[in-house]
Amino acid sequence: MGGSVEKHSDAEKTDGTFATLTVQLPSMFTGGTFIGSHNGDSRTFALQTEDSAYNCNFVAYYADSEHEIESVGIGYRMELVYSLCYIGNDSSKPHTCDLGTSKQLQDHMSHLSPDESLFCIPLKQSYTPSTFQRLGMGTLKGDDKSNTR
């Protein structure tokens, strides 16, 4: 009983993390509804179904999407959680960001004079240095991404 997860977006735990896959193992419970939202669109997934005691259910979502899991009422909800990581080239990287936003920031930064070129953007999420080196601003998630617009 209990076992809720408050609304949040995932921090990057491994280089190239872009999404999370949650696989619910067969279990008997009530509650535990998954609520995910991205760009103002919210979706609810009732993971407790008639056959959840015998089958697996799953939810996959981008790491920068806000999500929460409501409290389990009765029983136990068991799940496996996987970080989905991208190791390919930048041109086919899965993402939800608007590429125009990153391009606009790059354009703006290219017009700065040398004495204006150093600045700081405080970030809420954690990122690995190698992902920033590989993907640049495209690695930003959630509030970090919207603060650069």
N, C-alpha and C. Protein backbone atom coordinates (compact mmCIF):
# COMPACT_ATOMS: atom_id res chain seq x y z
N MET A 1 0.84 -1.19 0.00
CA MET A 1 0.00 0.00 0.00
C MET A 1 0.88 1.25 0.00
N GLY A 2 0.32 2.34 -0.49
CA GLY A 2 1.10 3.56 -0.60
C GLY A 2 1.87 3.57 -1.91
N GLY A 3 3.15 3.83 -1.83
CA GLY A 3 4.01 3.75 -3.00
C GLY A 3 3.68 4.71 -4.12
N SER A 4 3.47 5.97 -3.82
CA SER A 4 3.21 6.95 -4.87
C SER A 4 4.51 7.63 -5.28
N VAL A 5 4.50 8.28 -6.45
CA VAL A 5 5.64 9.05 -6.92
C VAL A 5 5.11 10.44 -7.25
N GLU A 6 5.69 11.47 -6.62
CA GLU A 6 5.24 12.84 -6.86
C GLU A 6 5.63 13.32 -8.25
N LYS A 7 4.93 14.34 -8.74
CA LYS A 7 5.17 14.88 -10.08
C LYS A 7 6.61 15.37 -10.20
N HIS A 8 7.27 14.94 -11.28
CA HIS A 8 8.66 15.32 -11.55
C HIS A 8 9.02 14.96 -12.99
N SER A 9 10.19 15.38 -13.45
CA SER A 9 10.76 14.88 -14.70
C SER A 9 12.09 14.23 -14.34
N ASP A 10 12.46 13.21 -15.08
CA ASP A 10 13.65 12.43 -14.76
C ASP A 10 14.93 13.21 -15.02
N ALA A 11 15.89 13.04 -14.12
CA ALA A 11 17.23 13.59 -14.33
C ALA A 11 18.02 12.57 -15.14
N GLU A 12 18.97 13.05 -15.91
CA GLU A 12 19.78 12.15 -16.72
C GLU A 12 20.73 11.37 -15.82
N LYS A 13 20.62 10.05 -15.87
CA LYS A 13 21.45 9.19 -15.03
C LYS A 13 22.61 8.59 -15.82
N THR A 14 22.44 8.47 -17.12
CA THR A 14 23.42 7.86 -18.01
C THR A 14 23.54 8.71 -19.26
N ASP A 15 24.72 8.72 -19.87
CA ASP A 15 24.91 9.48 -21.11
C ASP A 15 23.85 9.11 -22.14
N GLY A 16 23.25 10.12 -22.76
CA GLY A 16 22.32 9.90 -23.85
C GLY A 16 20.91 9.52 -23.45
N THR A 17 20.58 9.56 -22.14
CA THR A 17 19.24 9.20 -21.72
C THR A 17 18.22 10.15 -22.37
N PHE A 18 17.20 9.58 -23.02
CA PHE A 18 16.17 10.42 -23.62
C PHE A 18 14.77 10.01 -23.19
N ALA A 19 14.60 8.82 -22.62
CA ALA A 19 13.26 8.36 -22.22
C ALA A 19 13.37 7.30 -21.14
N THR A 20 12.23 6.98 -20.57
CA THR A 20 12.13 5.94 -19.56
C THR A 20 11.05 4.95 -19.98
N LEU A 21 11.33 3.68 -19.77
CA LEU A 21 10.36 2.61 -20.02
C LEU A 21 10.07 1.94 -18.69
N THR A 22 8.80 1.92 -18.31
CA THR A 22 8.38 1.27 -17.08
C THR A 22 7.55 0.05 -17.45
N VAL A 23 7.98 -1.12 -17.00
CA VAL A 23 7.26 -2.36 -17.26
C VAL A 23 6.68 -2.85 -15.95
N GLN A 24 5.38 -2.87 -15.88
CA GLN A 24 4.69 -3.34 -14.68
C GLN A 24 4.59 -4.85 -14.74
N LEU A 25 5.12 -5.50 -13.74
CA LEU A 25 5.06 -6.96 -13.67
C LEU A 25 3.67 -7.40 -13.24
N PRO A 26 3.28 -8.64 -13.56
CA PRO A 26 1.97 -9.11 -13.13
C PRO A 26 1.83 -8.99 -11.61
N SER A 27 0.81 -8.29 -11.17
CA SER A 27 0.58 -8.09 -9.74
C SER A 27 -0.86 -7.65 -9.51
N MET A 28 -1.33 -7.89 -8.29
CA MET A 28 -2.71 -7.52 -7.92
C MET A 28 -2.66 -6.28 -7.03
N PHE A 29 -3.39 -5.23 -7.44
CA PHE A 29 -3.40 -3.99 -6.68
C PHE A 29 -4.56 -3.12 -7.16
N THR A 30 -4.83 -2.07 -6.41
CA THR A 30 -5.77 -1.04 -6.84
C THR A 30 -5.02 0.29 -6.80
N GLY A 31 -5.45 1.24 -7.61
CA GLY A 31 -4.78 2.54 -7.65
C GLY A 31 -3.54 2.50 -8.51
N GLY A 32 -2.54 3.30 -8.14
CA GLY A 32 -1.27 3.32 -8.86
C GLY A 32 -1.36 3.86 -10.27
N THR A 33 -2.29 4.76 -10.54
CA THR A 33 -2.48 5.33 -11.87
C THR A 33 -1.28 6.20 -12.26
N PHE A 34 -0.82 6.06 -13.51
CA PHE A 34 0.27 6.86 -14.05
C PHE A 34 -0.31 8.08 -14.75
N ILE A 35 0.20 9.27 -14.44
CA ILE A 35 -0.24 10.50 -15.08
C ILE A 35 0.99 11.16 -15.67
N GLY A 36 0.98 11.37 -16.98
CA GLY A 36 2.10 12.01 -17.66
C GLY A 36 1.63 13.23 -18.42
N SER A 37 2.49 14.25 -18.50
CA SER A 37 2.13 15.44 -19.26
C SER A 37 3.35 15.99 -19.98
N HIS A 38 3.08 16.56 -21.16
CA HIS A 38 4.14 17.17 -21.96
C HIS A 38 3.54 18.27 -22.80
N ASN A 39 4.15 19.45 -22.76
CA ASN A 39 3.68 20.60 -23.53
C ASN A 39 2.19 20.87 -23.33
N GLY A 40 1.72 20.77 -22.10
CA GLY A 40 0.34 21.06 -21.78
C GLY A 40 -0.65 19.94 -22.05
N ASP A 41 -0.19 18.84 -22.63
CA ASP A 41 -1.06 17.70 -22.91
C ASP A 41 -0.86 16.66 -21.81
N SER A 42 -1.92 16.33 -21.09
CA SER A 42 -1.84 15.38 -19.98
C SER A 42 -2.58 14.09 -20.33
N ARG A 43 -1.98 12.97 -19.98
CA ARG A 43 -2.59 11.66 -20.23
C ARG A 43 -2.56 10.83 -18.95
N THR A 44 -3.60 10.03 -18.77
CA THR A 44 -3.71 9.16 -17.60
C THR A 44 -3.76 7.71 -18.07
N PHE A 45 -2.97 6.85 -17.41
CA PHE A 45 -2.94 5.44 -17.74
C PHE A 45 -3.26 4.64 -16.49
N ALA A 46 -4.40 3.96 -16.50
CA ALA A 46 -4.78 3.10 -15.38
C ALA A 46 -4.03 1.78 -15.55
N LEU A 47 -2.97 1.60 -14.78
CA LEU A 47 -2.14 0.40 -14.91
C LEU A 47 -2.79 -0.80 -14.22
N GLN A 48 -3.75 -0.53 -13.38
CA GLN A 48 -4.50 -1.61 -12.73
C GLN A 48 -5.67 -1.94 -13.65
N THR A 49 -5.60 -3.11 -14.30
CA THR A 49 -6.64 -3.54 -15.22
C THR A 49 -7.18 -4.89 -14.77
N GLU A 50 -8.19 -5.39 -15.48
CA GLU A 50 -8.78 -6.68 -15.12
C GLU A 50 -7.76 -7.81 -15.14
N ASP A 51 -6.79 -7.72 -16.07
CA ASP A 51 -5.83 -8.81 -16.20
C ASP A 51 -4.42 -8.46 -15.72
N SER A 52 -4.25 -7.37 -14.94
CA SER A 52 -2.92 -6.97 -14.50
C SER A 52 -2.28 -7.99 -13.56
N ALA A 53 -3.08 -8.88 -12.98
CA ALA A 53 -2.52 -9.94 -12.13
C ALA A 53 -1.82 -11.01 -12.98
N TYR A 54 -2.10 -11.04 -14.29
CA TYR A 54 -1.57 -12.09 -15.15
C TYR A 54 -0.74 -11.58 -16.32
N ASN A 55 -0.81 -10.28 -16.60
CA ASN A 55 -0.10 -9.71 -17.76
C ASN A 55 0.74 -8.50 -17.35
N CYS A 56 1.67 -8.14 -18.22
CA CYS A 56 2.49 -6.94 -18.02
C CYS A 56 1.84 -5.76 -18.74
N ASN A 57 1.90 -4.61 -18.11
CA ASN A 57 1.53 -3.35 -18.74
C ASN A 57 2.79 -2.51 -18.80
N PHE A 58 2.85 -1.56 -19.71
CA PHE A 58 4.04 -0.70 -19.77
C PHE A 58 3.68 0.71 -20.17
N VAL A 59 4.56 1.63 -19.80
CA VAL A 59 4.45 3.03 -20.18
C VAL A 59 5.85 3.49 -20.55
N ALA A 60 5.98 4.17 -21.68
CA ALA A 60 7.25 4.79 -22.08
C ALA A 60 7.00 6.28 -22.23
N TYR A 61 7.95 7.08 -21.76
CA TYR A 61 7.79 8.52 -21.82
C TYR A 61 9.15 9.19 -21.92
N TYR A 62 9.17 10.36 -22.58
CA TYR A 62 10.41 11.13 -22.69
C TYR A 62 10.82 11.62 -21.31
N ALA A 63 12.12 11.67 -21.08
CA ALA A 63 12.65 12.02 -19.77
C ALA A 63 12.26 13.44 -19.35
N ASP A 64 12.05 14.34 -20.30
CA ASP A 64 11.69 15.71 -19.93
C ASP A 64 10.19 15.89 -19.70
N SER A 65 9.42 14.82 -19.79
CA SER A 65 7.99 14.89 -19.54
C SER A 65 7.72 14.79 -18.04
N GLU A 66 6.83 15.63 -17.55
CA GLU A 66 6.44 15.52 -16.14
C GLU A 66 5.55 14.30 -15.98
N HIS A 67 5.73 13.59 -14.88
CA HIS A 67 4.91 12.41 -14.63
C HIS A 67 4.81 12.16 -13.13
N GLU A 68 3.78 11.43 -12.78
CA GLU A 68 3.56 11.04 -11.38
C GLU A 68 2.81 9.72 -11.36
N ILE A 69 2.88 9.04 -10.22
CA ILE A 69 2.14 7.80 -10.03
C ILE A 69 1.34 7.95 -8.76
N GLU A 70 0.03 7.78 -8.88
CA GLU A 70 -0.84 7.91 -7.71
C GLU A 70 -0.62 6.73 -6.77
N SER A 71 -1.02 6.91 -5.56
CA SER A 71 -0.81 5.92 -4.50
C SER A 71 -1.55 4.61 -4.77
N VAL A 72 -0.91 3.50 -4.43
CA VAL A 72 -1.54 2.18 -4.52
C VAL A 72 -2.46 2.03 -3.31
N GLY A 73 -3.70 1.61 -3.56
CA GLY A 73 -4.68 1.48 -2.48
C GLY A 73 -4.54 0.16 -1.75
N ILE A 74 -4.66 -0.94 -2.47
CA ILE A 74 -4.59 -2.29 -1.89
C ILE A 74 -3.64 -3.12 -2.74
N GLY A 75 -2.81 -3.93 -2.11
CA GLY A 75 -1.93 -4.84 -2.83
C GLY A 75 -0.57 -4.22 -3.12
N TYR A 76 0.11 -4.81 -4.10
CA TYR A 76 1.46 -4.39 -4.46
C TYR A 76 1.58 -4.23 -5.96
N ARG A 77 2.16 -3.14 -6.37
CA ARG A 77 2.43 -2.88 -7.78
C ARG A 77 3.93 -3.00 -7.98
N MET A 78 4.33 -3.98 -8.80
CA MET A 78 5.76 -4.20 -9.03
C MET A 78 6.11 -3.81 -10.46
N GLU A 79 7.25 -3.15 -10.62
CA GLU A 79 7.64 -2.70 -11.95
C GLU A 79 9.15 -2.72 -12.12
N LEU A 80 9.56 -2.78 -13.37
CA LEU A 80 10.95 -2.62 -13.76
C LEU A 80 11.05 -1.28 -14.47
N VAL A 81 12.10 -0.52 -14.19
CA VAL A 81 12.26 0.80 -14.79
C VAL A 81 13.57 0.82 -15.57
N TYR A 82 13.49 1.18 -16.85
CA TYR A 82 14.65 1.23 -17.73
C TYR A 82 14.88 2.65 -18.24
N SER A 83 16.13 3.09 -18.24
CA SER A 83 16.50 4.34 -18.90
C SER A 83 16.81 3.99 -20.35
N LEU A 84 16.14 4.66 -21.28
CA LEU A 84 16.41 4.44 -22.69
C LEU A 84 17.46 5.46 -23.13
N CYS A 85 18.57 4.97 -23.64
CA CYS A 85 19.71 5.83 -23.98
C CYS A 85 19.99 5.76 -25.47
N TYR A 86 20.41 6.90 -26.00
CA TYR A 86 20.71 7.03 -27.42
C TYR A 86 22.21 7.11 -27.60
N ILE A 87 22.76 6.27 -28.48
CA ILE A 87 24.21 6.28 -28.71
C ILE A 87 24.56 6.52 -30.18
N GLY A 88 23.58 6.87 -30.99
CA GLY A 88 23.81 7.09 -32.42
C GLY A 88 24.28 8.50 -32.70
N ASN A 89 24.12 8.93 -33.95
CA ASN A 89 24.54 10.28 -34.31
C ASN A 89 23.44 11.29 -34.03
N ASP A 90 23.83 12.56 -33.95
CA ASP A 90 22.90 13.62 -33.56
C ASP A 90 21.72 13.80 -34.51
N SER A 91 21.91 13.49 -35.80
CA SER A 91 20.87 13.78 -36.78
C SER A 91 19.62 12.93 -36.62
N SER A 92 19.73 11.79 -35.96
CA SER A 92 18.54 10.94 -35.78
C SER A 92 18.20 10.73 -34.32
N LYS A 93 18.70 11.59 -33.43
CA LYS A 93 18.45 11.47 -32.00
C LYS A 93 16.95 11.66 -31.69
N PRO A 94 16.35 10.75 -30.94
CA PRO A 94 14.94 10.93 -30.53
C PRO A 94 14.83 12.08 -29.54
N HIS A 95 13.86 12.94 -29.70
CA HIS A 95 13.67 14.06 -28.79
C HIS A 95 12.29 14.64 -28.96
N THR A 96 11.91 15.47 -27.97
CA THR A 96 10.63 16.15 -28.06
C THR A 96 10.81 17.65 -28.22
N CYS A 97 12.06 18.10 -28.21
CA CYS A 97 12.28 19.55 -28.25
C CYS A 97 12.04 20.12 -29.66
N ASP A 98 11.76 21.39 -29.68
CA ASP A 98 11.61 22.12 -30.93
C ASP A 98 13.00 22.53 -31.39
N LEU A 99 13.49 21.95 -32.47
CA LEU A 99 14.84 22.24 -32.93
C LEU A 99 15.02 23.71 -33.26
N GLY A 100 13.96 24.39 -33.63
CA GLY A 100 14.06 25.82 -33.90
C GLY A 100 14.51 26.61 -32.69
N THR A 101 14.12 26.20 -31.49
CA THR A 101 14.51 26.90 -30.27
C THR A 101 16.01 26.83 -30.08
N SER A 102 16.61 25.66 -30.21
CA SER A 102 18.06 25.52 -30.07
C SER A 102 18.77 26.33 -31.14
N LYS A 103 18.27 26.33 -32.35
CA LYS A 103 18.86 27.07 -33.46
C LYS A 103 18.80 28.57 -33.17
N GLN A 104 17.67 29.05 -32.62
CA GLN A 104 17.55 30.46 -32.29
C GLN A 104 18.58 30.88 -31.26
N LEU A 105 18.80 30.04 -30.24
CA LEU A 105 19.78 30.34 -29.21
C LEU A 105 21.19 30.36 -29.81
N GLN A 106 21.49 29.39 -30.66
CA GLN A 106 22.81 29.35 -31.30
C GLN A 106 23.02 30.61 -32.16
N ASP A 107 22.00 31.00 -32.91
CA ASP A 107 22.10 32.21 -33.74
C ASP A 107 22.37 33.44 -32.88
N HIS A 108 21.64 33.54 -31.78
CA HIS A 108 21.81 34.69 -30.88
C HIS A 108 23.23 34.70 -30.30
N MET A 109 23.70 33.55 -29.86
CA MET A 109 25.03 33.48 -29.25
C MET A 109 26.13 33.79 -30.25
N SER A 110 25.94 33.46 -31.51
CA SER A 110 26.98 33.72 -32.52
C SER A 110 27.15 35.21 -32.78
N HIS A 111 26.17 36.05 -32.40
CA HIS A 111 26.26 37.49 -32.61
C HIS A 111 26.77 38.23 -31.38
N LEU A 112 27.09 37.53 -30.31
CA LEU A 112 27.59 38.19 -29.11
C LEU A 112 29.04 38.63 -29.31
N SER A 113 29.38 39.76 -28.73
CA SER A 113 30.79 40.20 -28.78
C SER A 113 31.60 39.33 -27.82
N PRO A 114 32.93 39.28 -27.96
CA PRO A 114 33.76 38.43 -27.10
C PRO A 114 33.56 38.69 -25.61
N ASP A 115 33.35 39.96 -25.21
CA ASP A 115 33.17 40.24 -23.78
C ASP A 115 31.77 39.86 -23.28
N GLU A 116 30.83 39.56 -24.17
CA GLU A 116 29.48 39.12 -23.79
C GLU A 116 29.30 37.61 -23.92
N SER A 117 30.31 36.91 -24.40
CA SER A 117 30.12 35.51 -24.76
C SER A 117 30.11 34.56 -23.57
N LEU A 118 30.48 35.01 -22.39
CA LEU A 118 30.41 34.15 -21.20
C LEU A 118 29.17 34.50 -20.41
N PHE A 119 28.35 33.52 -20.15
CA PHE A 119 27.16 33.73 -19.35
C PHE A 119 26.79 32.42 -18.67
N CYS A 120 25.87 32.47 -17.75
CA CYS A 120 25.48 31.28 -16.98
C CYS A 120 23.98 31.09 -17.07
N ILE A 121 23.56 29.86 -17.30
CA ILE A 121 22.14 29.50 -17.25
C ILE A 121 22.00 28.46 -16.13
N PRO A 122 21.38 28.81 -14.99
CA PRO A 122 21.20 27.82 -13.92
C PRO A 122 20.26 26.70 -14.39
N LEU A 123 20.64 25.45 -14.14
CA LEU A 123 19.86 24.30 -14.58
C LEU A 123 19.27 23.57 -13.40
N LYS A 124 18.05 23.04 -13.57
CA LYS A 124 17.38 22.27 -12.52
C LYS A 124 17.70 20.79 -12.60
N GLN A 125 17.92 20.28 -13.81
CA GLN A 125 18.18 18.85 -14.02
C GLN A 125 19.68 18.58 -13.93
N SER A 126 20.03 17.30 -13.78
CA SER A 126 21.43 16.87 -13.83
C SER A 126 21.72 16.31 -15.20
N TYR A 127 22.91 16.61 -15.73
CA TYR A 127 23.32 16.13 -17.04
C TYR A 127 24.76 15.64 -16.96
N THR A 128 25.12 14.70 -17.81
CA THR A 128 26.50 14.24 -17.85
C THR A 128 27.28 15.12 -18.83
N PRO A 129 28.55 15.41 -18.53
CA PRO A 129 29.33 16.28 -19.42
C PRO A 129 29.45 15.75 -20.85
N SER A 130 29.59 14.45 -21.01
CA SER A 130 29.76 13.92 -22.38
C SER A 130 28.50 14.08 -23.22
N THR A 131 27.32 14.02 -22.61
CA THR A 131 26.09 14.24 -23.36
C THR A 131 26.02 15.69 -23.84
N PHE A 132 26.42 16.65 -22.98
CA PHE A 132 26.46 18.05 -23.39
C PHE A 132 27.46 18.26 -24.52
N GLN A 133 28.60 17.59 -24.45
CA GLN A 133 29.60 17.73 -25.51
C GLN A 133 29.07 17.19 -26.83
N ARG A 134 28.32 16.09 -26.77
CA ARG A 134 27.81 15.45 -27.98
C ARG A 134 26.58 16.14 -28.53
N LEU A 135 25.65 16.56 -27.66
CA LEU A 135 24.35 17.04 -28.13
C LEU A 135 24.12 18.52 -27.89
N GLY A 136 24.98 19.17 -27.13
CA GLY A 136 24.83 20.59 -26.86
C GLY A 136 23.50 20.92 -26.21
N MET A 137 22.86 22.00 -26.67
CA MET A 137 21.60 22.46 -26.08
C MET A 137 20.46 21.46 -26.28
N GLY A 138 20.60 20.55 -27.24
CA GLY A 138 19.57 19.55 -27.48
C GLY A 138 19.39 18.59 -26.32
N THR A 139 20.31 18.59 -25.38
CA THR A 139 20.20 17.69 -24.24
C THR A 139 19.30 18.23 -23.12
N LEU A 140 18.97 19.54 -23.19
CA LEU A 140 18.16 20.15 -22.12
C LEU A 140 16.76 19.55 -22.05
N LYS A 141 16.22 19.46 -20.82
CA LYS A 141 14.91 18.87 -20.57
C LYS A 141 14.05 19.80 -19.72
N GLY A 142 12.75 19.62 -19.81
CA GLY A 142 11.80 20.29 -18.92
C GLY A 142 12.00 21.78 -18.79
N ASP A 143 12.04 22.28 -17.52
CA ASP A 143 12.20 23.71 -17.26
C ASP A 143 13.52 24.25 -17.82
N ASP A 144 14.57 23.44 -17.80
CA ASP A 144 15.85 23.89 -18.35
C ASP A 144 15.70 24.28 -19.82
N LYS A 145 14.94 23.49 -20.57
CA LYS A 145 14.73 23.75 -21.99
C LYS A 145 13.88 25.01 -22.18
N SER A 146 12.82 25.16 -21.39
CA SER A 146 11.93 26.30 -21.57
C SER A 146 12.56 27.59 -21.09
N ASN A 147 13.54 27.54 -20.18
CA ASN A 147 14.22 28.76 -19.72
C ASN A 147 15.17 29.33 -20.76
N THR A 148 15.50 28.55 -21.80
CA THR A 148 16.40 29.05 -22.84
C THR A 148 15.64 29.65 -24.02
N ARG A 149 14.32 29.66 -23.95
CA ARG A 149 13.52 30.19 -25.07
C ARG A 149 13.46 31.70 -25.02
